[in-house]
Amino acid sequence: MFKQIICIAAIATVITGCASTKDANKPVPVDATVLEASLNQQEINIVNAIDSCKETQSASMTTLSAQLEQLNAQVATLKKDKTAVVPVITPAQCPPSPLQGKFILGAVEDVFIDELKASFNTRIDTGAESSSLDAHNIILFERDGNQWVRFDVFTNGAKQPAQTFESKVERFVRIKEADDKTDRRPVIHAHLEIGKYKAETDLNLTDRSHLEFPLLLGRKFMQDIAVVDVGQTYIHGKKKGGSASSASK
């Protein structure tokens, strides 16, 4: 009997434990109102997060747009500076030179004659019309149908032997001398150098041994290219080694 009671108690205990286990695993019913409120709150949180991101992005876009506008303004300024026209200031005009582009000669100058490859102490004489060169043993002859002249010049001074030259005669001139006689002289063309200046002129050949200077340049040479300062000499310097003097010196 006692054993039967114990078995019945044990069976009852097992049955009670199973019932308790089943109740623990049974789903708990959720209130629909609470669930809806929870979902609504989650939706609100998500919308707020999205709005916050939009505001941040909008602020960033505004900042970027402002920076882009500043860059565009700087580029436009640089382009404008490159194409800007700088005004040219015209300097005040100097009064015209009384020399009108002419160079100044002293009363005496050192003149190099290219055809003779020699320099000569030269008288610059505004009182003489033509220019003349001291020449000796003047002989006229014909070459290829043209009139030529052979002459001697003391290119290294009277104490050294004279050199003989030949040149084509450009023309003849008649020069009136002090005794009212006229002297017919052959004229040659020559290239001159006076300092840094170069010029061309015609020289008539005659014996100037009785005169101080072997070469004389007259008004025709100076016309339109030079003016004379009679108070100065050798304004343009002298050739190295000196210049030829008159044959009589």
C-alpha atoms as a PDB file:
ATOM      1  CA  MET A   1       0.000   0.000   0.000  1.00  0.00           C
ATOM      2  CA  PHE A   2       2.744   2.340   0.991  1.00  0.00           C
ATOM      3  CA  LYS A   3       4.629   1.539  -2.200  1.00  0.00           C
ATOM      4  CA  GLN A   4       1.556   2.364  -4.240  1.00  0.00           C
ATOM      5  CA  ILE A   5       1.271   5.716  -2.573  1.00  0.00           C
ATOM      6  CA  ILE A   6       4.918   6.510  -3.322  1.00  0.00           C
ATOM      7  CA  CYS A   7       4.500   5.612  -6.994  1.00  0.00           C
ATOM      8  CA  ILE A   8       1.394   7.725  -7.279  1.00  0.00           C
ATOM      9  CA  ALA A   9       3.306  10.707  -5.732  1.00  0.00           C
ATOM     10  CA  ALA A  10       6.201  10.286  -8.090  1.00  0.00           C
ATOM     11  CA  ILE A  11       3.939  10.167 -11.124  1.00  0.00           C
ATOM     12  CA  ALA A  12       2.155  13.286  -9.934  1.00  0.00           C
ATOM     13  CA  THR A  13       5.453  15.113  -9.548  1.00  0.00           C
ATOM     14  CA  VAL A  14       6.532  14.218 -13.087  1.00  0.00           C
ATOM     15  CA  ILE A  15       3.223  15.323 -14.506  1.00  0.00           C
ATOM     16  CA  THR A  16       3.465  18.658 -12.649  1.00  0.00           C
ATOM     17  CA  GLY A  17       7.024  19.257 -13.952  1.00  0.00           C
ATOM     18  CA  CYS A  18       5.970  18.650 -17.553  1.00  0.00           C
ATOM     19  CA  ALA A  19       3.112  21.057 -17.172  1.00  0.00           C
ATOM     20  CA  SER A  20       5.462  23.727 -15.825  1.00  0.00           C
ATOM     21  CA  THR A  21       7.898  23.217 -18.756  1.00  0.00           C
ATOM     22  CA  LYS A  22       5.139  23.583 -21.286  1.00  0.00           C
ATOM     23  CA  ASP A  23       3.967  26.839 -19.699  1.00  0.00           C
ATOM     24  CA  ALA A  24       7.507  28.315 -19.790  1.00  0.00           C
ATOM     25  CA  ASN A  25       7.905  27.653 -23.540  1.00  0.00           C
ATOM     26  CA  LYS A  26       4.484  28.991 -24.428  1.00  0.00           C
ATOM     27  CA  PRO A  27       4.676  32.374 -26.424  1.00  0.00           C
ATOM     28  CA  VAL A  28       3.739  35.441 -24.453  1.00  0.00           C
ATOM     29  CA  PRO A  29       0.998  37.420 -26.253  1.00  0.00           C
ATOM     30  CA  VAL A  30       2.107  41.033 -27.302  1.00  0.00           C
ATOM     31  CA  ASP A  31      -0.196  43.994 -26.970  1.00  0.00           C
ATOM     32  CA  ALA A  32      -0.890  45.459 -30.467  1.00  0.00           C
ATOM     33  CA  THR A  33      -0.972  49.010 -29.123  1.00  0.00           C
ATOM     34  CA  VAL A  34       2.479  48.691 -27.566  1.00  0.00           C
ATOM     35  CA  LEU A  35       3.875  47.153 -30.742  1.00  0.00           C
ATOM     36  CA  GLU A  36       2.455  49.936 -32.904  1.00  0.00           C
ATOM     37  CA  ALA A  37       3.875  52.609 -30.604  1.00  0.00           C
ATOM     38  CA  SER A  38       7.309  50.950 -30.737  1.00  0.00           C
ATOM     39  CA  LEU A  39       7.274  50.844 -34.545  1.00  0.00           C
ATOM     40  CA  ASN A  40       6.181  54.455 -34.745  1.00  0.00           C
ATOM     41  CA  GLN A  41       9.037  55.504 -32.483  1.00  0.00           C
ATOM     42  CA  GLN A  42      11.553  53.570 -34.612  1.00  0.00           C
ATOM     43  CA  GLU A  43      10.191  55.243 -37.770  1.00  0.00           C
ATOM     44  CA  ILE A  44      10.522  58.639 -36.137  1.00  0.00           C
ATOM     45  CA  ASN A  45      14.125  57.897 -35.136  1.00  0.00           C
ATOM     46  CA  ILE A  46      14.992  56.764 -38.679  1.00  0.00           C
ATOM     47  CA  VAL A  47      13.380  59.874 -40.237  1.00  0.00           C
ATOM     48  CA  ASN A  48      15.233  62.135 -37.803  1.00  0.00           C
ATOM     49  CA  ALA A  49      18.536  60.430 -38.665  1.00  0.00           C
ATOM     50  CA  ILE A  50      17.869  60.866 -42.386  1.00  0.00           C
ATOM     51  CA  ASP A  51      16.947  64.523 -41.899  1.00  0.00           C
ATOM     52  CA  SER A  52      20.117  65.093 -39.885  1.00  0.00           C
ATOM     53  CA  CYS A  53      22.220  63.563 -42.677  1.00  0.00           C
ATOM     54  CA  LYS A  54      20.448  65.753 -45.238  1.00  0.00           C
ATOM     55  CA  GLU A  55      21.138  68.889 -43.213  1.00  0.00           C
ATOM     56  CA  THR A  56      24.836  67.948 -42.863  1.00  0.00           C
ATOM     57  CA  GLN A  57      25.121  67.267 -46.599  1.00  0.00           C
ATOM     58  CA  SER A  58      23.310  70.516 -47.421  1.00  0.00           C
ATOM     59  CA  ALA A  59      25.708  72.502 -45.206  1.00  0.00           C
ATOM     60  CA  SER A  60      28.688  70.804 -46.887  1.00  0.00           C
ATOM     61  CA  MET A  61      27.284  71.567 -50.342  1.00  0.00           C
ATOM     62  CA  THR A  62      26.778  75.197 -49.374  1.00  0.00           C
ATOM     63  CA  THR A  63      30.381  75.459 -48.173  1.00  0.00           C
ATOM     64  CA  LEU A  64      31.696  73.809 -51.338  1.00  0.00           C
ATOM     65  CA  SER A  65      29.606  76.115 -53.536  1.00  0.00           C
ATOM     66  CA  ALA A  66      30.971  79.175 -51.740  1.00  0.00           C
ATOM     67  CA  GLN A  67      34.565  77.942 -52.185  1.00  0.00           C
ATOM     68  CA  LEU A  68      33.927  77.244 -55.881  1.00  0.00           C
ATOM     69  CA  GLU A  69      32.574  80.756 -56.383  1.00  0.00           C
ATOM     70  CA  GLN A  70      35.700  82.196 -54.729  1.00  0.00           C
ATOM     71  CA  LEU A  71      37.947  80.145 -57.017  1.00  0.00           C
ATOM     72  CA  ASN A  72      36.003  81.269 -60.090  1.00  0.00           C
ATOM     73  CA  ALA A  73      36.339  84.885 -58.975  1.00  0.00           C
ATOM     74  CA  GLN A  74      40.123  84.485 -58.512  1.00  0.00           C
ATOM     75  CA  VAL A  75      40.503  82.860 -61.952  1.00  0.00           C
ATOM     76  CA  ALA A  76      38.506  85.679 -63.554  1.00  0.00           C
ATOM     77  CA  THR A  77      40.730  88.236 -61.815  1.00  0.00           C
ATOM     78  CA  LEU A  78      43.890  86.531 -63.066  1.00  0.00           C
ATOM     79  CA  LYS A  79      42.575  86.431 -66.630  1.00  0.00           C
ATOM     80  CA  LYS A  80      41.636  90.083 -66.427  1.00  0.00           C
ATOM     81  CA  ASP A  81      45.122  91.018 -65.172  1.00  0.00           C
ATOM     82  CA  LYS A  82      46.768  89.147 -68.085  1.00  0.00           C
ATOM     83  CA  THR A  83      44.718  90.896 -70.731  1.00  0.00           C
ATOM     84  CA  ALA A  84      44.874  94.306 -69.111  1.00  0.00           C
ATOM     85  CA  VAL A  85      46.370  96.968 -71.390  1.00  0.00           C
ATOM     86  CA  VAL A  86      49.205  98.870 -69.757  1.00  0.00           C
ATOM     87  CA  PRO A  87      48.997 102.508 -70.745  1.00  0.00           C
ATOM     88  CA  VAL A  88      52.107 103.800 -72.517  1.00  0.00           C
ATOM     89  CA  ILE A  89      53.391 107.077 -71.181  1.00  0.00           C
ATOM     90  CA  THR A  90      54.777 109.157 -74.000  1.00  0.00           C
ATOM     91  CA  PRO A  91      57.940 110.940 -72.881  1.00  0.00           C
ATOM     92  CA  ALA A  92      58.148 114.640 -73.334  1.00  0.00           C
ATOM     93  CA  GLN A  93      59.541 115.528 -76.727  1.00  0.00           C
ATOM     94  CA  CYS A  94      62.963 117.126 -76.687  1.00  0.00           C
ATOM     95  CA  PRO A  95      63.389 120.266 -78.759  1.00  0.00           C
ATOM     96  CA  PRO A  96      64.963 119.587 -82.167  1.00  0.00           C
ATOM     97  CA  SER A  97      68.754 119.607 -82.184  1.00  0.00           C
ATOM     98  CA  PRO A  98      70.265 122.650 -83.881  1.00  0.00           C
ATOM     99  CA  LEU A  99      72.774 120.257 -85.485  1.00  0.00           C
ATOM    100  CA  GLN A 100      69.913 118.328 -87.184  1.00  0.00           C
ATOM    101  CA  GLY A 101      71.782 115.022 -87.018  1.00  0.00           C
ATOM    102  CA  LYS A 102      75.133 116.422 -88.165  1.00  0.00           C
ATOM    103  CA  PHE A 103      78.382 115.613 -86.399  1.00  0.00           C
ATOM    104  CA  ILE A 104      80.925 118.197 -85.248  1.00  0.00           C
ATOM    105  CA  LEU A 105      84.366 118.640 -86.746  1.00  0.00           C
ATOM    106  CA  GLY A 106      87.262 120.601 -85.337  1.00  0.00           C
ATOM    107  CA  ALA A 107      89.310 123.044 -87.433  1.00  0.00           C
ATOM    108  CA  VAL A 108      91.885 120.251 -87.832  1.00  0.00           C
ATOM    109  CA  GLU A 109      91.077 116.540 -87.851  1.00  0.00           C
ATOM    110  CA  ASP A 110      92.786 113.234 -88.507  1.00  0.00           C
ATOM    111  CA  VAL A 111      91.206 111.791 -91.687  1.00  0.00           C
ATOM    112  CA  PHE A 112      91.746 108.257 -92.998  1.00  0.00           C
ATOM    113  CA  ILE A 113      91.451 107.711 -96.781  1.00  0.00           C
ATOM    114  CA  ASP A 114      90.505 104.115 -97.402  1.00  0.00           C
ATOM    115  CA  GLU A 115      91.796 104.014-101.000  1.00  0.00           C
ATOM    116  CA  LEU A 116      95.261 105.105 -99.818  1.00  0.00           C
ATOM    117  CA  LYS A 117      95.178 103.174 -96.521  1.00  0.00           C
ATOM    118  CA  ALA A 118      96.654 106.204 -94.791  1.00  0.00           C
ATOM    119  CA  SER A 119      95.679 108.982 -92.396  1.00  0.00           C
ATOM    120  CA  PHE A 120      96.330 112.681 -92.973  1.00  0.00           C
ATOM    121  CA  ASN A 121      96.383 115.819 -90.864  1.00  0.00           C
ATOM    122  CA  THR A 122      93.486 117.634 -92.470  1.00  0.00           C
ATOM    123  CA  ARG A 123      92.379 121.225 -92.581  1.00  0.00           C
ATOM    124  CA  ILE A 124      88.609 121.600 -92.306  1.00  0.00           C
ATOM    125  CA  ASP A 125      87.989 124.798 -94.253  1.00  0.00           C
ATOM    126  CA  THR A 126      84.537 126.308 -94.651  1.00  0.00           C
ATOM    127  CA  GLY A 127      86.079 129.004 -96.871  1.00  0.00           C
ATOM    128  CA  ALA A 128      87.013 126.483 -99.555  1.00  0.00           C
ATOM    129  CA  GLU A 129      84.326 125.018-101.770  1.00  0.00           C
ATOM    130  CA  SER A 130      86.011 121.774-102.877  1.00  0.00           C
ATOM    131  CA  SER A 131      88.350 119.269-101.218  1.00  0.00           C
ATOM    132  CA  SER A 132      91.913 118.580-102.364  1.00  0.00           C
ATOM    133  CA  LEU A 133      94.733 116.123-101.702  1.00  0.00           C
ATOM    134  CA  ASP A 134      98.470 116.738-101.937  1.00  0.00           C
ATOM    135  CA  ALA A 135      99.665 114.669-104.932  1.00  0.00           C
ATOM    136  CA  HIS A 136     102.849 114.642-107.062  1.00  0.00           C
ATOM    137  CA  ASN A 137     103.916 113.315-110.465  1.00  0.00           C
ATOM    138  CA  ILE A 138     100.333 113.424-111.677  1.00  0.00           C
ATOM    139  CA  ILE A 139     100.035 111.521-114.961  1.00  0.00           C
ATOM    140  CA  LEU A 140      96.833 111.028-116.916  1.00  0.00           C
ATOM    141  CA  PHE A 141      96.307 107.890-118.995  1.00  0.00           C
ATOM    142  CA  GLU A 142      93.481 105.891-120.552  1.00  0.00           C
ATOM    143  CA  ARG A 143      92.265 102.458-119.439  1.00  0.00           C
ATOM    144  CA  ASP A 144      89.355 100.555-121.016  1.00  0.00           C
ATOM    145  CA  GLY A 145      88.146 103.733-122.650  1.00  0.00           C
ATOM    146  CA  ASN A 146      88.105 105.667-119.358  1.00  0.00           C
ATOM    147  CA  GLN A 147      90.358 108.429-118.088  1.00  0.00           C
ATOM    148  CA  TRP A 148      92.646 107.356-115.219  1.00  0.00           C
ATOM    149  CA  VAL A 149      95.312 109.119-113.202  1.00  0.00           C
ATOM    150  CA  ARG A 150      98.580 107.948-111.622  1.00  0.00           C
ATOM    151  CA  PHE A 151      99.969 109.990-108.754  1.00  0.00           C
ATOM    152  CA  ASP A 152     102.363 109.875-105.793  1.00  0.00           C
ATOM    153  CA  VAL A 153     101.394 110.603-102.183  1.00  0.00           C
ATOM    154  CA  PHE A 154     103.605 110.908 -99.119  1.00  0.00           C
ATOM    155  CA  THR A 155     101.532 108.606 -96.914  1.00  0.00           C
ATOM    156  CA  ASN A 156     104.247 108.268 -94.259  1.00  0.00           C
ATOM    157  CA  GLY A 157     105.517 111.820 -94.188  1.00  0.00           C
ATOM    158  CA  ALA A 158     107.934 113.777 -96.377  1.00  0.00           C
ATOM    159  CA  LYS A 159     111.001 111.958 -95.050  1.00  0.00           C
ATOM    160  CA  GLN A 160     109.710 108.601 -96.296  1.00  0.00           C
ATOM    161  CA  PRO A 161     109.381 107.537 -99.957  1.00  0.00           C
ATOM    162  CA  ALA A 162     106.093 108.411-101.611  1.00  0.00           C
ATOM    163  CA  GLN A 163     103.666 105.699-102.689  1.00  0.00           C
ATOM    164  CA  THR A 164     102.184 105.546-106.183  1.00  0.00           C
ATOM    165  CA  PHE A 165      98.450 105.101-106.699  1.00  0.00           C
ATOM    166  CA  GLU A 166      96.113 104.848-109.659  1.00  0.00           C
ATOM    167  CA  SER A 167      92.481 105.852-109.712  1.00  0.00           C
ATOM    168  CA  LYS A 168      89.693 106.495-112.181  1.00  0.00           C
ATOM    169  CA  VAL A 169      89.116 110.175-112.956  1.00  0.00           C
ATOM    170  CA  GLU A 170      85.579 111.216-112.074  1.00  0.00           C
ATOM    171  CA  ARG A 171      85.850 114.607-113.773  1.00  0.00           C
ATOM    172  CA  PHE A 172      88.064 117.678-114.013  1.00  0.00           C
ATOM    173  CA  VAL A 173      87.656 120.959-112.147  1.00  0.00           C
ATOM    174  CA  ARG A 174      89.174 124.388-112.703  1.00  0.00           C
ATOM    175  CA  ILE A 175      90.332 126.110-109.553  1.00  0.00           C
ATOM    176  CA  LYS A 176      91.087 129.832-109.627  1.00  0.00           C
ATOM    177  CA  GLU A 177      94.338 130.604-107.874  1.00  0.00           C
ATOM    178  CA  ALA A 178      95.631 133.764-106.205  1.00  0.00           C
ATOM    179  CA  ASP A 179      97.276 135.091-109.372  1.00  0.00           C
ATOM    180  CA  ASP A 180      93.942 134.831-111.212  1.00  0.00           C
ATOM    181  CA  LYS A 181      95.178 131.820-113.133  1.00  0.00           C
ATOM    182  CA  THR A 182      93.100 128.672-113.275  1.00  0.00           C
ATOM    183  CA  ASP A 183      94.395 125.221-112.519  1.00  0.00           C
ATOM    184  CA  ARG A 184      92.745 122.218-114.197  1.00  0.00           C
ATOM    185  CA  ARG A 185      92.777 119.317-111.755  1.00  0.00           C
ATOM    186  CA  PRO A 186      91.671 115.667-111.992  1.00  0.00           C
ATOM    187  CA  VAL A 187      89.090 114.587-109.422  1.00  0.00           C
ATOM    188  CA  ILE A 188      88.967 111.133-107.790  1.00  0.00           C
ATOM    189  CA  HIS A 189      86.331 109.596-105.533  1.00  0.00           C
ATOM    190  CA  ALA A 190      87.412 108.620-102.013  1.00  0.00           C
ATOM    191  CA  HIS A 191      85.990 106.981 -98.890  1.00  0.00           C
ATOM    192  CA  LEU A 192      86.897 108.779 -95.665  1.00  0.00           C
ATOM    193  CA  GLU A 193      86.848 107.888 -91.982  1.00  0.00           C
ATOM    194  CA  ILE A 194      86.865 110.513 -89.233  1.00  0.00           C
ATOM    195  CA  GLY A 195      86.764 108.812 -85.860  1.00  0.00           C
ATOM    196  CA  LYS A 196      83.670 106.614 -85.888  1.00  0.00           C
ATOM    197  CA  TYR A 197      82.121 108.453 -88.824  1.00  0.00           C
ATOM    198  CA  LYS A 198      82.401 107.410 -92.467  1.00  0.00           C
ATOM    199  CA  ALA A 199      81.682 109.485 -95.540  1.00  0.00           C
ATOM    200  CA  GLU A 200      82.406 109.721 -99.259  1.00  0.00           C
ATOM    201  CA  THR A 201      83.630 112.720-101.183  1.00  0.00           C
ATOM    202  CA  ASP A 202      85.513 113.854-104.306  1.00  0.00           C
ATOM    203  CA  LEU A 203      89.120 115.000-103.993  1.00  0.00           C
ATOM    204  CA  ASN A 204      90.956 117.043-106.591  1.00  0.00           C
ATOM    205  CA  LEU A 205      94.671 116.277-106.928  1.00  0.00           C
ATOM    206  CA  THR A 206      97.194 119.101-106.708  1.00  0.00           C
ATOM    207  CA  ASP A 207     100.605 119.906-105.296  1.00  0.00           C
ATOM    208  CA  ARG A 208     100.038 121.200-101.751  1.00  0.00           C
ATOM    209  CA  SER A 209     103.653 120.897-100.630  1.00  0.00           C
ATOM    210  CA  HIS A 210     103.785 124.623 -99.928  1.00  0.00           C
ATOM    211  CA  LEU A 211     100.836 124.336 -97.548  1.00  0.00           C
ATOM    212  CA  GLU A 212     100.719 123.086 -93.961  1.00  0.00           C
ATOM    213  CA  PHE A 213      98.137 120.343 -94.430  1.00  0.00           C
ATOM    214  CA  PRO A 214      98.279 117.663 -97.162  1.00  0.00           C
ATOM    215  CA  LEU A 215      94.487 117.263 -97.174  1.00  0.00           C
ATOM    216  CA  LEU A 216      91.789 119.906 -97.202  1.00  0.00           C
ATOM    217  CA  LEU A 217      88.045 119.291 -96.839  1.00  0.00           C
ATOM    218  CA  GLY A 218      85.764 122.063 -98.082  1.00  0.00           C
ATOM    219  CA  ARG A 219      82.114 123.020 -97.883  1.00  0.00           C
ATOM    220  CA  LYS A 220      80.867 120.415-100.362  1.00  0.00           C
ATOM    221  CA  PHE A 221      82.108 117.644 -98.081  1.00  0.00           C
ATOM    222  CA  MET A 222      80.551 119.130 -94.955  1.00  0.00           C
ATOM    223  CA  GLN A 223      77.223 119.975 -96.583  1.00  0.00           C
ATOM    224  CA  ASP A 224      74.352 118.128 -94.856  1.00  0.00           C
ATOM    225  CA  ILE A 225      76.651 115.958 -92.702  1.00  0.00           C
ATOM    226  CA  ALA A 226      78.865 118.112 -90.465  1.00  0.00           C
ATOM    227  CA  VAL A 227      79.403 121.460 -88.798  1.00  0.00           C
ATOM    228  CA  VAL A 228      82.749 122.976 -87.800  1.00  0.00           C
ATOM    229  CA  ASP A 229      83.820 124.170 -84.372  1.00  0.00           C
ATOM    230  CA  VAL A 230      86.846 126.296 -85.266  1.00  0.00           C
ATOM    231  CA  GLY A 231      87.819 126.547 -81.606  1.00  0.00           C
ATOM    232  CA  GLN A 232      88.673 122.833 -81.386  1.00  0.00           C
ATOM    233  CA  THR A 233      91.045 120.427 -83.106  1.00  0.00           C
ATOM    234  CA  TYR A 234      91.149 116.641 -83.349  1.00  0.00           C
ATOM    235  CA  ILE A 235      87.721 116.209 -81.775  1.00  0.00           C
ATOM    236  CA  HIS A 236      87.621 112.637 -83.089  1.00  0.00           C
ATOM    237  CA  GLY A 237      91.172 111.723 -82.050  1.00  0.00           C
ATOM    238  CA  LYS A 238      94.195 110.625 -84.021  1.00  0.00           C
ATOM    239  CA  LYS A 239      95.119 107.352 -85.677  1.00  0.00           C
ATOM    240  CA  LYS A 240      97.805 105.323 -83.913  1.00  0.00           C
ATOM    241  CA  GLY A 241     101.220 105.901 -85.415  1.00  0.00           C
ATOM    242  CA  GLY A 242     100.463 109.479 -86.428  1.00  0.00           C
ATOM    243  CA  SER A 243      99.324 110.956 -89.731  1.00  0.00           C
ATOM    244  CA  ALA A 244     101.026 112.055 -92.901  1.00  0.00           C
ATOM    245  CA  SER A 245     102.134 115.689 -93.059  1.00  0.00           C
ATOM    246  CA  SER A 246     102.712 117.980 -95.988  1.00  0.00           C
ATOM    247  CA  ALA A 247     105.581 117.063 -98.277  1.00  0.00           C
ATOM    248  CA  SER A 248     107.370 120.226 -97.326  1.00  0.00           C
ATOM    249  CA  LYS A 249     107.304 119.538 -93.621  1.00  0.00           C
END
